[in-house]
Each structure stands twice: as C-alpha cells, then as structure tokens.
N, C-alpha and C. Protein backbone atom coordinates (compact mmCIF):
# COMPACT_ATOMS: atom_id res chain seq x y z
N MET A 1 -17.71 20.01 -61.04
CA MET A 1 -17.15 20.75 -60.11
C MET A 1 -15.70 21.38 -60.83
N ALA A 2 -15.14 19.92 -61.02
CA ALA A 2 -13.50 20.18 -61.24
C ALA A 2 -13.14 20.98 -62.22
N GLU A 3 -14.54 21.44 -63.19
CA GLU A 3 -14.26 22.32 -64.75
C GLU A 3 -14.10 23.57 -64.32
N LYS A 4 -14.99 24.13 -63.58
CA LYS A 4 -15.18 25.56 -62.86
C LYS A 4 -13.74 25.87 -61.90
N ILE A 5 -12.63 25.20 -61.95
CA ILE A 5 -11.75 25.47 -61.36
C ILE A 5 -10.54 25.99 -62.37
N PRO A 6 -10.05 27.01 -62.48
CA PRO A 6 -9.28 27.45 -63.39
C PRO A 6 -7.77 26.67 -63.07
N SER A 7 -7.29 26.14 -64.28
CA SER A 7 -6.39 25.26 -64.20
C SER A 7 -5.22 26.11 -63.29
N TRP A 8 -4.51 26.93 -64.06
CA TRP A 8 -3.82 27.81 -62.88
C TRP A 8 -4.08 27.42 -61.35
N VAL A 9 -5.01 27.71 -60.45
CA VAL A 9 -5.47 27.35 -59.55
C VAL A 9 -5.13 26.01 -59.25
N GLU A 10 -5.41 24.98 -60.30
CA GLU A 10 -5.26 23.83 -59.63
C GLU A 10 -3.84 23.61 -59.86
N ARG A 11 -2.76 23.73 -60.30
CA ARG A 11 -1.54 23.98 -60.40
C ARG A 11 -0.77 24.29 -59.38
N LEU A 12 -1.33 25.23 -59.01
CA LEU A 12 -0.98 25.88 -57.76
C LEU A 12 -1.18 25.42 -56.43
N LEU A 13 -2.26 25.13 -56.28
CA LEU A 13 -2.74 24.53 -54.96
C LEU A 13 -2.73 23.28 -54.58
N ILE A 14 -2.85 22.18 -55.67
CA ILE A 14 -2.99 20.67 -55.48
C ILE A 14 -1.39 20.27 -54.78
N PRO A 15 -0.22 20.88 -55.73
CA PRO A 15 1.20 20.46 -55.03
C PRO A 15 1.11 21.11 -53.42
N THR A 16 0.97 22.25 -52.98
CA THR A 16 0.86 22.64 -51.75
C THR A 16 -0.11 21.71 -51.16
N LEU A 17 -1.22 21.48 -51.25
CA LEU A 17 -1.97 20.70 -50.47
C LEU A 17 -1.45 19.65 -50.15
N GLU A 18 -0.98 18.69 -51.15
CA GLU A 18 -0.45 17.19 -51.26
C GLU A 18 0.84 17.15 -50.07
N SER A 19 1.70 18.49 -50.54
CA SER A 19 2.86 18.60 -49.70
C SER A 19 2.56 18.69 -48.11
N LYS A 20 1.33 19.42 -47.69
CA LYS A 20 1.28 19.90 -46.39
C LYS A 20 0.31 18.30 -46.40
N VAL A 21 -0.33 17.88 -46.70
CA VAL A 21 -1.06 16.51 -46.20
C VAL A 21 0.05 15.32 -45.90
N ARG A 22 0.64 14.83 -47.24
CA ARG A 22 1.81 14.39 -46.56
C ARG A 22 2.75 14.58 -45.19
N THR A 23 3.29 15.72 -45.40
CA THR A 23 3.73 16.29 -43.93
C THR A 23 2.98 15.94 -42.52
N ILE A 24 1.44 16.04 -42.77
CA ILE A 24 0.84 15.81 -41.61
C ILE A 24 0.80 14.24 -41.58
N VAL A 25 0.66 13.30 -42.35
CA VAL A 25 0.43 12.12 -42.31
C VAL A 25 1.86 11.28 -41.64
N SER A 26 2.83 12.07 -42.40
CA SER A 26 3.94 11.51 -41.27
C SER A 26 4.28 11.59 -40.46
N GLU A 27 3.94 13.08 -40.01
CA GLU A 27 4.07 13.45 -38.34
C GLU A 27 3.09 12.02 -37.79
N GLU A 28 1.86 11.99 -37.95
CA GLU A 28 0.91 11.56 -37.30
C GLU A 28 1.36 10.17 -37.31
N VAL A 29 1.94 9.59 -38.49
CA VAL A 29 2.17 8.21 -38.43
C VAL A 29 3.80 7.81 -37.22
N GLY A 30 4.37 8.65 -37.36
CA GLY A 30 5.85 8.80 -36.64
C GLY A 30 5.36 8.81 -35.19
N HIS A 31 4.37 10.10 -34.79
CA HIS A 31 4.01 9.84 -33.47
C HIS A 31 2.97 8.25 -33.15
N LEU A 32 2.63 7.97 -34.07
CA LEU A 32 2.13 6.40 -33.27
C LEU A 32 2.96 5.36 -33.69
N GLU A 33 3.62 5.50 -34.26
CA GLU A 33 5.28 4.48 -33.97
C GLU A 33 5.40 4.74 -32.78
N LYS A 34 6.05 5.58 -32.23
CA LYS A 34 6.59 5.78 -31.35
C LYS A 34 5.78 5.09 -29.69
N VAL A 35 3.96 5.74 -30.45
CA VAL A 35 3.40 5.49 -29.05
C VAL A 35 3.41 3.64 -29.05
N LEU A 36 2.98 3.25 -30.15
CA LEU A 36 3.11 1.35 -30.32
C LEU A 36 4.19 1.25 -30.01
N ASP A 37 5.62 1.58 -30.30
CA ASP A 37 6.92 0.87 -29.71
C ASP A 37 7.12 0.99 -28.49
N ALA A 38 6.51 1.87 -27.77
CA ALA A 38 6.55 2.23 -26.31
C ALA A 38 5.60 1.02 -25.06
N ARG A 39 4.22 1.09 -26.18
CA ARG A 39 3.85 -0.18 -25.21
C ARG A 39 4.46 -1.57 -25.91
N PHE A 40 4.94 -1.66 -26.87
CA PHE A 40 5.49 -2.78 -27.28
C PHE A 40 6.82 -3.16 -26.19
N ASP A 41 7.71 -2.34 -25.89
CA ASP A 41 8.63 -2.45 -24.91
C ASP A 41 7.62 -2.27 -23.52
N GLY A 42 6.73 -2.01 -23.41
CA GLY A 42 6.15 -2.15 -21.82
C GLY A 42 5.56 -3.77 -21.66
N VAL A 43 5.35 -4.41 -23.01
CA VAL A 43 4.69 -5.69 -22.65
C VAL A 43 6.03 -6.54 -22.92
N HIS A 44 7.13 -5.96 -23.49
CA HIS A 44 8.16 -6.94 -23.70
C HIS A 44 8.75 -7.37 -22.04
N SER A 45 8.65 -5.89 -21.24
CA SER A 45 9.47 -6.19 -19.88
C SER A 45 8.54 -6.58 -18.95
N GLU A 46 7.24 -7.09 -19.50
CA GLU A 46 6.48 -7.63 -18.31
C GLU A 46 6.81 -9.27 -18.67
N ILE A 47 6.88 -9.38 -20.21
CA ILE A 47 6.91 -10.70 -20.40
C ILE A 47 8.50 -11.02 -20.09
N ARG A 48 9.20 -10.26 -19.83
CA ARG A 48 10.57 -10.71 -19.10
C ARG A 48 10.30 -11.28 -17.63
N ARG A 49 9.74 -10.08 -17.09
CA ARG A 49 9.71 -10.32 -15.78
C ARG A 49 8.63 -11.97 -15.39
N VAL A 50 7.51 -12.35 -16.15
CA VAL A 50 7.29 -13.17 -16.39
C VAL A 50 8.09 -14.35 -15.96
N ASP A 51 8.99 -14.27 -17.45
CA ASP A 51 9.88 -15.48 -17.70
C ASP A 51 10.76 -15.89 -16.38
N GLU A 52 11.41 -14.63 -15.71
CA GLU A 52 12.39 -14.77 -14.55
C GLU A 52 11.50 -15.42 -13.52
N LYS A 53 10.56 -14.91 -13.34
CA LYS A 53 9.41 -15.53 -11.90
C LYS A 53 9.41 -17.12 -12.52
N ILE A 54 9.23 -18.06 -14.06
CA ILE A 54 9.16 -19.06 -13.97
C ILE A 54 10.07 -19.45 -13.67
N GLY A 55 11.51 -18.86 -14.33
CA GLY A 55 12.48 -19.93 -14.13
C GLY A 55 13.14 -19.63 -12.37
N SER A 56 12.66 -19.09 -11.75
CA SER A 56 12.90 -18.76 -10.25
C SER A 56 11.97 -20.09 -10.03
N LEU A 57 10.58 -20.21 -9.97
CA LEU A 57 9.81 -21.37 -9.56
C LEU A 57 10.50 -22.65 -10.34
N GLU A 58 10.90 -22.79 -11.32
CA GLU A 58 11.35 -24.27 -11.71
C GLU A 58 12.65 -24.52 -10.91
N LYS A 59 13.81 -24.04 -10.91
CA LYS A 59 14.75 -23.66 -9.53
C LYS A 59 14.14 -24.36 -8.74
N ARG A 60 13.07 -24.12 -8.17
CA ARG A 60 12.56 -24.85 -6.72
C ARG A 60 11.97 -25.85 -6.59
N PHE A 61 11.62 -26.09 -8.01
CA PHE A 61 10.81 -27.50 -8.00
C PHE A 61 11.40 -28.73 -7.53
N PRO A 62 12.71 -28.83 -7.47
CA PRO A 62 13.23 -29.87 -7.13
C PRO A 62 13.38 -29.91 -5.71
N GLU A 63 13.33 -28.48 -4.97
CA GLU A 63 13.83 -28.63 -3.69
C GLU A 63 12.56 -28.84 -2.86
N VAL A 64 11.28 -28.22 -3.64
CA VAL A 64 9.69 -29.37 -3.16
C VAL A 64 9.85 -30.52 -2.84
N GLN A 65 10.06 -30.96 -4.08
CA GLN A 65 10.41 -32.29 -4.77
C GLN A 65 10.54 -32.86 -3.13
N GLU A 66 12.18 -32.81 -3.14
CA GLU A 66 13.02 -33.36 -1.79
C GLU A 66 12.15 -33.16 -0.56
N ILE A 67 11.89 -32.24 -0.60
CA ILE A 67 11.06 -31.57 0.85
C ILE A 67 9.80 -32.50 1.27
N ALA A 68 9.24 -32.50 0.14
CA ALA A 68 7.75 -33.69 0.15
C ALA A 68 8.42 -35.51 0.45
N GLU A 69 9.73 -35.50 -0.31
CA GLU A 69 10.39 -36.99 0.51
C GLU A 69 10.83 -37.09 1.18
N ILE A 70 11.19 -35.71 2.14
CA ILE A 70 11.66 -36.43 3.35
C ILE A 70 10.47 -35.95 4.61
N LYS A 71 9.47 -35.37 4.46
CA LYS A 71 8.66 -35.53 4.85
C LYS A 71 7.54 -36.86 4.97
N ALA A 72 7.70 -37.38 3.50
CA ALA A 72 7.21 -39.08 3.22
C ALA A 72 7.67 -39.96 4.45
N ARG A 73 9.32 -40.12 3.98
CA ARG A 73 10.17 -40.51 4.88
C ARG A 73 10.00 -40.09 6.53
N LEU A 74 9.85 -39.05 6.50
CA LEU A 74 10.17 -39.14 8.32
C LEU A 74 8.68 -39.39 8.92
N SER A 75 7.72 -39.29 8.14
CA SER A 75 6.40 -40.09 8.35
C SER A 75 6.23 -41.58 8.81
N GLN A 76 7.03 -41.97 7.59
CA GLN A 76 7.05 -43.79 8.21
C GLN A 76 8.09 -44.02 9.14
N VAL A 77 9.48 -43.15 9.51
CA VAL A 77 9.80 -43.64 10.70
C VAL A 77 8.87 -42.94 12.08
N GLU A 78 8.34 -42.18 11.88
CA GLU A 78 7.15 -42.11 13.15
C GLU A 78 6.01 -43.24 12.89
N SER A 79 6.00 -43.70 12.03
CA SER A 79 5.11 -44.84 12.38
C SER A 79 5.65 -45.99 12.93
N LYS A 80 6.44 -46.19 12.18
CA LYS A 80 7.52 -47.00 12.62
C LYS A 80 8.04 -47.06 14.55
N VAL A 81 8.21 -45.32 14.62
CA VAL A 81 9.00 -45.82 15.99
C VAL A 81 7.61 -45.58 16.95
N SER A 82 6.21 -45.20 16.69
CA SER A 82 5.17 -45.42 17.26
C SER A 82 4.56 -46.64 17.56
N SER A 83 4.82 -47.61 16.45
CA SER A 83 4.23 -48.59 16.60
C SER A 83 5.49 -50.00 17.53
N ARG A 84 6.08 -49.46 17.90
CA ARG A 84 7.24 -50.37 18.72
C ARG A 84 6.91 -50.18 20.08
C-alpha cells in the first residue's frame, strides 16, 4: 500500500500528521500529570492528617499510663481502708 502513495503526498502529510499527533499526545500527557499530581497531593494531605493524629495519641499515652497507675494505687488504698 505504501508504494501506491505518491512521494510528494507522503512528504507533505507525514510531517503534518506527526506534528499533530505529538501535540495531542503532549496535551494528554500534561493533563494526566495534573490529575495524578492532584491525587498524590490528596494522598499526602491524608497521610499528614494521620501522622498528626498518631502524634496526638503518642502525647496522650503517658497520661493514660499515669491514670492507670493512679487507679491501681487507689484500688490498693481502698482495699486497705475497707479491710480495717
């Protein structure tokens, strides 16, 4: 089939088609990059929120331990008082 296309048509059409295809592909790739970047930004913001929540829980952990120790001591005191 390539032999039936006159060379002058090939010389005129191929560069034009190639240029248009490159432009279309470039635009589509650019659009996909923007979409992917937006999704990654969303994921990163969710990860930051989770990190903040974990940090908050880590700060509270010593307080929870202290409360548990206080409750244990209170139970000991109550049992001593009630046994008297």
